[in-house]
């Protein structure tokens, strides 16, 4: 087992990391939030992660040592994508209020607001919550890598 306490860098932010041959580790968004974790790479390497204070894992992070470099790949998850059909400030505030009351992290992609769901049954819940504005929004369910906005990243209940 190799022990990891810090992050070397992120493949999306550091072009120099492109030259390495990586083992890969699939990891959920919830696991990325943990400070202590034990997982196995795609090549069978047993990895123990115990992060130093202030260190957080992200999609695309590279961890390892001189002998091995491991690329963390976040597992896609179901998200609801909401887009306003018309630019309407009052509607945007109401939408934010409804989503905020569910204590979900949110992300943004183009003109859409994204937030994760754990089960398909939540789609019906949000359809009911949005019933008065459903004709003013486009709502889709997608499976993708969800990256919460830094200032809107809350721990889900």
C-alpha atoms as a PDB file:
ATOM      1  CA  UNK A   1       0.000   0.000   0.000  1.00  0.00           C
ATOM      2  CA  UNK A   2       1.194   3.491  -0.775  1.00  0.00           C
ATOM      3  CA  UNK A   3       0.324   6.377   1.547  1.00  0.00           C
ATOM      4  CA  UNK A   4      -0.664   9.783   0.195  1.00  0.00           C
ATOM      5  CA  UNK A   5      -0.923  13.008   2.210  1.00  0.00           C
ATOM      6  CA  UNK A   6      -0.904  15.698  -0.486  1.00  0.00           C
ATOM      7  CA  UNK A   7      -1.741  16.490  -4.095  1.00  0.00           C
ATOM      8  CA  UNK A   8       0.947  16.824  -6.792  1.00  0.00           C
ATOM      9  CA  UNK A   9      -1.238  18.970  -9.066  1.00  0.00           C
ATOM     10  CA  UNK A  10      -4.264  18.910 -11.332  1.00  0.00           C
ATOM     11  CA  UNK A  11      -4.111  17.655 -14.904  1.00  0.00           C
ATOM     12  CA  UNK A  12      -6.515  20.390 -16.048  1.00  0.00           C
ATOM     13  CA  UNK A  13      -4.345  23.177 -14.590  1.00  0.00           C
ATOM     14  CA  UNK A  14      -0.771  21.921 -15.087  1.00  0.00           C
ATOM     15  CA  UNK A  15       0.343  20.975 -18.615  1.00  0.00           C
ATOM     16  CA  UNK A  16       3.551  19.387 -17.255  1.00  0.00           C
ATOM     17  CA  UNK A  17       1.500  16.569 -15.752  1.00  0.00           C
ATOM     18  CA  UNK A  18       0.423  15.456 -19.251  1.00  0.00           C
ATOM     19  CA  UNK A  19       3.781  13.687 -19.743  1.00  0.00           C
ATOM     20  CA  UNK A  20       3.227  11.088 -16.998  1.00  0.00           C
ATOM     21  CA  UNK A  21       1.784   7.619 -17.424  1.00  0.00           C
ATOM     22  CA  UNK A  22      -0.972   7.427 -14.796  1.00  0.00           C
ATOM     23  CA  UNK A  23      -2.749   4.747 -12.933  1.00  0.00           C
ATOM     24  CA  UNK A  24      -6.366   5.860 -12.536  1.00  0.00           C
ATOM     25  CA  UNK A  25      -8.703   5.898  -9.585  1.00  0.00           C
ATOM     26  CA  UNK A  26     -12.446   6.424 -10.020  1.00  0.00           C
ATOM     27  CA  UNK A  27     -13.853   8.350  -7.081  1.00  0.00           C
ATOM     28  CA  UNK A  28     -17.261   9.805  -6.233  1.00  0.00           C
ATOM     29  CA  UNK A  29     -17.806  13.494  -5.476  1.00  0.00           C
ATOM     30  CA  UNK A  30     -18.694  12.563  -1.890  1.00  0.00           C
ATOM     31  CA  UNK A  31     -15.431  10.608  -1.504  1.00  0.00           C
ATOM     32  CA  UNK A  32     -13.497  13.612  -2.832  1.00  0.00           C
ATOM     33  CA  UNK A  33     -14.672  15.490   0.276  1.00  0.00           C
ATOM     34  CA  UNK A  34     -13.158  12.933   2.674  1.00  0.00           C
ATOM     35  CA  UNK A  35      -9.808  13.461   4.394  1.00  0.00           C
ATOM     36  CA  UNK A  36      -9.119   9.754   4.978  1.00  0.00           C
ATOM     37  CA  UNK A  37      -9.811   7.190   2.276  1.00  0.00           C
ATOM     38  CA  UNK A  38      -8.560   3.807   1.108  1.00  0.00           C
ATOM     39  CA  UNK A  39      -9.070   2.779  -2.515  1.00  0.00           C
ATOM     40  CA  UNK A  40      -7.530   0.693  -5.295  1.00  0.00           C
ATOM     41  CA  UNK A  41      -6.382   1.996  -8.691  1.00  0.00           C
ATOM     42  CA  UNK A  42      -7.333   0.522 -12.056  1.00  0.00           C
ATOM     43  CA  UNK A  43      -4.018  -1.404 -11.981  1.00  0.00           C
ATOM     44  CA  UNK A  44      -4.646  -2.860  -8.506  1.00  0.00           C
ATOM     45  CA  UNK A  45      -2.436  -0.574  -6.432  1.00  0.00           C
ATOM     46  CA  UNK A  46      -3.741  -0.230  -2.869  1.00  0.00           C
ATOM     47  CA  UNK A  47      -3.762   3.456  -1.893  1.00  0.00           C
ATOM     48  CA  UNK A  48      -4.273   4.996   1.545  1.00  0.00           C
ATOM     49  CA  UNK A  49      -5.078   8.702   1.511  1.00  0.00           C
ATOM     50  CA  UNK A  50      -4.711  10.766   4.664  1.00  0.00           C
ATOM     51  CA  UNK A  51      -4.709  14.408   3.616  1.00  0.00           C
ATOM     52  CA  UNK A  52      -2.862  17.168   5.383  1.00  0.00           C
ATOM     53  CA  UNK A  53      -4.954  19.985   6.852  1.00  0.00           C
ATOM     54  CA  UNK A  54      -6.353  22.331   4.213  1.00  0.00           C
ATOM     55  CA  UNK A  55      -5.901  19.877   1.318  1.00  0.00           C
ATOM     56  CA  UNK A  56      -8.985  18.945  -0.713  1.00  0.00           C
ATOM     57  CA  UNK A  57      -9.289  16.514  -3.614  1.00  0.00           C
ATOM     58  CA  UNK A  58     -10.777  17.504  -6.980  1.00  0.00           C
ATOM     59  CA  UNK A  59     -11.557  15.887 -10.322  1.00  0.00           C
ATOM     60  CA  UNK A  60      -8.293  15.684 -12.276  1.00  0.00           C
ATOM     61  CA  UNK A  61      -5.976  15.794  -9.252  1.00  0.00           C
ATOM     62  CA  UNK A  62      -2.769  13.800  -9.464  1.00  0.00           C
ATOM     63  CA  UNK A  63      -1.521  12.070  -6.323  1.00  0.00           C
ATOM     64  CA  UNK A  64       1.393   9.722  -5.804  1.00  0.00           C
ATOM     65  CA  UNK A  65       5.129   9.642  -5.234  1.00  0.00           C
ATOM     66  CA  UNK A  66       8.348   9.236  -7.250  1.00  0.00           C
ATOM     67  CA  UNK A  67       7.376   5.740  -8.432  1.00  0.00           C
ATOM     68  CA  UNK A  68       3.662   6.078  -9.147  1.00  0.00           C
ATOM     69  CA  UNK A  69       1.321   8.840 -10.271  1.00  0.00           C
ATOM     70  CA  UNK A  70      -2.430   8.378  -9.868  1.00  0.00           C
ATOM     71  CA  UNK A  71      -5.053  10.424 -11.695  1.00  0.00           C
ATOM     72  CA  UNK A  72      -8.312  10.934  -9.785  1.00  0.00           C
ATOM     73  CA  UNK A  73     -11.345  10.696 -12.061  1.00  0.00           C
ATOM     74  CA  UNK A  74     -14.644  11.797 -10.580  1.00  0.00           C
ATOM     75  CA  UNK A  75     -17.522   9.420 -11.266  1.00  0.00           C
ATOM     76  CA  UNK A  76     -20.405  11.009 -13.207  1.00  0.00           C
ATOM     77  CA  UNK A  77     -23.662  11.392 -11.281  1.00  0.00           C
ATOM     78  CA  UNK A  78     -27.251  12.355 -12.018  1.00  0.00           C
ATOM     79  CA  UNK A  79     -27.902  16.074 -12.031  1.00  0.00           C
ATOM     80  CA  UNK A  80     -30.889  18.230 -12.751  1.00  0.00           C
ATOM     81  CA  UNK A  81     -30.195  21.034 -15.191  1.00  0.00           C
ATOM     82  CA  UNK A  82     -32.461  24.102 -15.093  1.00  0.00           C
ATOM     83  CA  UNK A  83     -32.476  26.874 -17.664  1.00  0.00           C
ATOM     84  CA  UNK A  84     -34.760  29.906 -17.672  1.00  0.00           C
ATOM     85  CA  UNK A  85     -36.663  30.281 -20.950  1.00  0.00           C
ATOM     86  CA  UNK A  86     -36.612  34.084 -20.570  1.00  0.00           C
ATOM     87  CA  UNK A  87     -34.310  36.406 -18.659  1.00  0.00           C
ATOM     88  CA  UNK A  88     -36.434  37.169 -15.588  1.00  0.00           C
ATOM     89  CA  UNK A  89     -34.756  38.347 -12.378  1.00  0.00           C
ATOM     90  CA  UNK A  90     -37.737  37.552 -10.129  1.00  0.00           C
ATOM     91  CA  UNK A  91     -37.979  34.036 -11.540  1.00  0.00           C
ATOM     92  CA  UNK A  92     -34.229  33.523 -11.052  1.00  0.00           C
ATOM     93  CA  UNK A  93     -34.491  34.542  -7.388  1.00  0.00           C
ATOM     94  CA  UNK A  94     -37.486  32.246  -6.840  1.00  0.00           C
ATOM     95  CA  UNK A  95     -35.662  29.355  -8.510  1.00  0.00           C
ATOM     96  CA  UNK A  96     -32.624  29.963  -6.296  1.00  0.00           C
ATOM     97  CA  UNK A  97     -34.844  30.031  -3.231  1.00  0.00           C
ATOM     98  CA  UNK A  98     -36.524  26.719  -4.122  1.00  0.00           C
ATOM     99  CA  UNK A  99     -33.222  24.942  -4.795  1.00  0.00           C
ATOM    100  CA  UNK A 100     -31.589  26.558  -1.751  1.00  0.00           C
ATOM    101  CA  UNK A 101     -34.301  25.252   0.549  1.00  0.00           C
ATOM    102  CA  UNK A 102     -33.259  21.731  -0.483  1.00  0.00           C
ATOM    103  CA  UNK A 103     -29.652  22.453   0.671  1.00  0.00           C
ATOM    104  CA  UNK A 104     -28.016  21.316  -2.552  1.00  0.00           C
ATOM    105  CA  UNK A 105     -24.678  22.362  -3.930  1.00  0.00           C
ATOM    106  CA  UNK A 106     -25.132  24.098  -7.274  1.00  0.00           C
ATOM    107  CA  UNK A 107     -22.990  24.527 -10.319  1.00  0.00           C
ATOM    108  CA  UNK A 108     -23.287  26.545 -13.497  1.00  0.00           C
ATOM    109  CA  UNK A 109     -22.819  25.496 -17.095  1.00  0.00           C
ATOM    110  CA  UNK A 110     -23.500  27.999 -19.836  1.00  0.00           C
ATOM    111  CA  UNK A 111     -26.929  29.453 -18.899  1.00  0.00           C
ATOM    112  CA  UNK A 112     -27.982  26.483 -16.760  1.00  0.00           C
ATOM    113  CA  UNK A 113     -28.048  25.831 -13.036  1.00  0.00           C
ATOM    114  CA  UNK A 114     -27.041  22.282 -12.101  1.00  0.00           C
ATOM    115  CA  UNK A 115     -27.537  20.346  -8.882  1.00  0.00           C
ATOM    116  CA  UNK A 116     -27.120  16.656  -8.034  1.00  0.00           C
ATOM    117  CA  UNK A 117     -29.854  14.177  -7.192  1.00  0.00           C
ATOM    118  CA  UNK A 118     -29.456  10.825  -5.473  1.00  0.00           C
ATOM    119  CA  UNK A 119     -32.558   9.041  -6.819  1.00  0.00           C
ATOM    120  CA  UNK A 120     -34.957   9.310  -9.763  1.00  0.00           C
ATOM    121  CA  UNK A 121     -37.789   9.905  -7.298  1.00  0.00           C
ATOM    122  CA  UNK A 122     -36.322  13.371  -6.655  1.00  0.00           C
ATOM    123  CA  UNK A 123     -37.227  14.378 -10.203  1.00  0.00           C
ATOM    124  CA  UNK A 124     -40.912  14.244  -9.234  1.00  0.00           C
ATOM    125  CA  UNK A 125     -40.192  16.191  -6.045  1.00  0.00           C
ATOM    126  CA  UNK A 126     -38.567  19.008  -8.001  1.00  0.00           C
ATOM    127  CA  UNK A 127     -41.308  18.957 -10.647  1.00  0.00           C
ATOM    128  CA  UNK A 128     -43.813  19.568  -7.813  1.00  0.00           C
ATOM    129  CA  UNK A 129     -41.625  22.262  -6.252  1.00  0.00           C
ATOM    130  CA  UNK A 130     -41.323  24.013  -9.632  1.00  0.00           C
ATOM    131  CA  UNK A 131     -45.034  23.548 -10.547  1.00  0.00           C
ATOM    132  CA  UNK A 132     -45.810  27.284 -10.609  1.00  0.00           C
ATOM    133  CA  UNK A 133     -42.800  28.075 -12.803  1.00  0.00           C
ATOM    134  CA  UNK A 134     -42.499  24.828 -14.809  1.00  0.00           C
ATOM    135  CA  UNK A 135     -43.623  26.536 -18.032  1.00  0.00           C
ATOM    136  CA  UNK A 136     -40.911  29.184 -17.615  1.00  0.00           C
ATOM    137  CA  UNK A 137     -37.992  26.764 -17.281  1.00  0.00           C
ATOM    138  CA  UNK A 138     -36.335  23.930 -19.158  1.00  0.00           C
ATOM    139  CA  UNK A 139     -35.596  21.039 -16.804  1.00  0.00           C
ATOM    140  CA  UNK A 140     -33.429  18.091 -17.839  1.00  0.00           C
ATOM    141  CA  UNK A 141     -31.806  15.177 -16.055  1.00  0.00           C
ATOM    142  CA  UNK A 142     -28.274  14.319 -17.138  1.00  0.00           C
ATOM    143  CA  UNK A 143     -25.474  12.075 -15.958  1.00  0.00           C
ATOM    144  CA  UNK A 144     -22.242  14.056 -15.779  1.00  0.00           C
ATOM    145  CA  UNK A 145     -19.336  15.065 -13.611  1.00  0.00           C
ATOM    146  CA  UNK A 146     -20.829  17.615 -11.238  1.00  0.00           C
ATOM    147  CA  UNK A 147     -18.473  20.386 -10.179  1.00  0.00           C
ATOM    148  CA  UNK A 148     -20.045  22.586  -7.504  1.00  0.00           C
ATOM    149  CA  UNK A 149     -19.442  26.320  -7.637  1.00  0.00           C
ATOM    150  CA  UNK A 150     -16.867  27.152  -4.965  1.00  0.00           C
ATOM    151  CA  UNK A 151     -19.075  29.629  -3.112  1.00  0.00           C
ATOM    152  CA  UNK A 152     -22.159  27.400  -3.412  1.00  0.00           C
ATOM    153  CA  UNK A 153     -20.652  24.089  -2.287  1.00  0.00           C
ATOM    154  CA  UNK A 154     -22.658  22.907   0.699  1.00  0.00           C
ATOM    155  CA  UNK A 155     -22.710  19.506   2.317  1.00  0.00           C
ATOM    156  CA  UNK A 156     -25.910  17.745   1.350  1.00  0.00           C
ATOM    157  CA  UNK A 157     -28.299  16.502   4.016  1.00  0.00           C
END
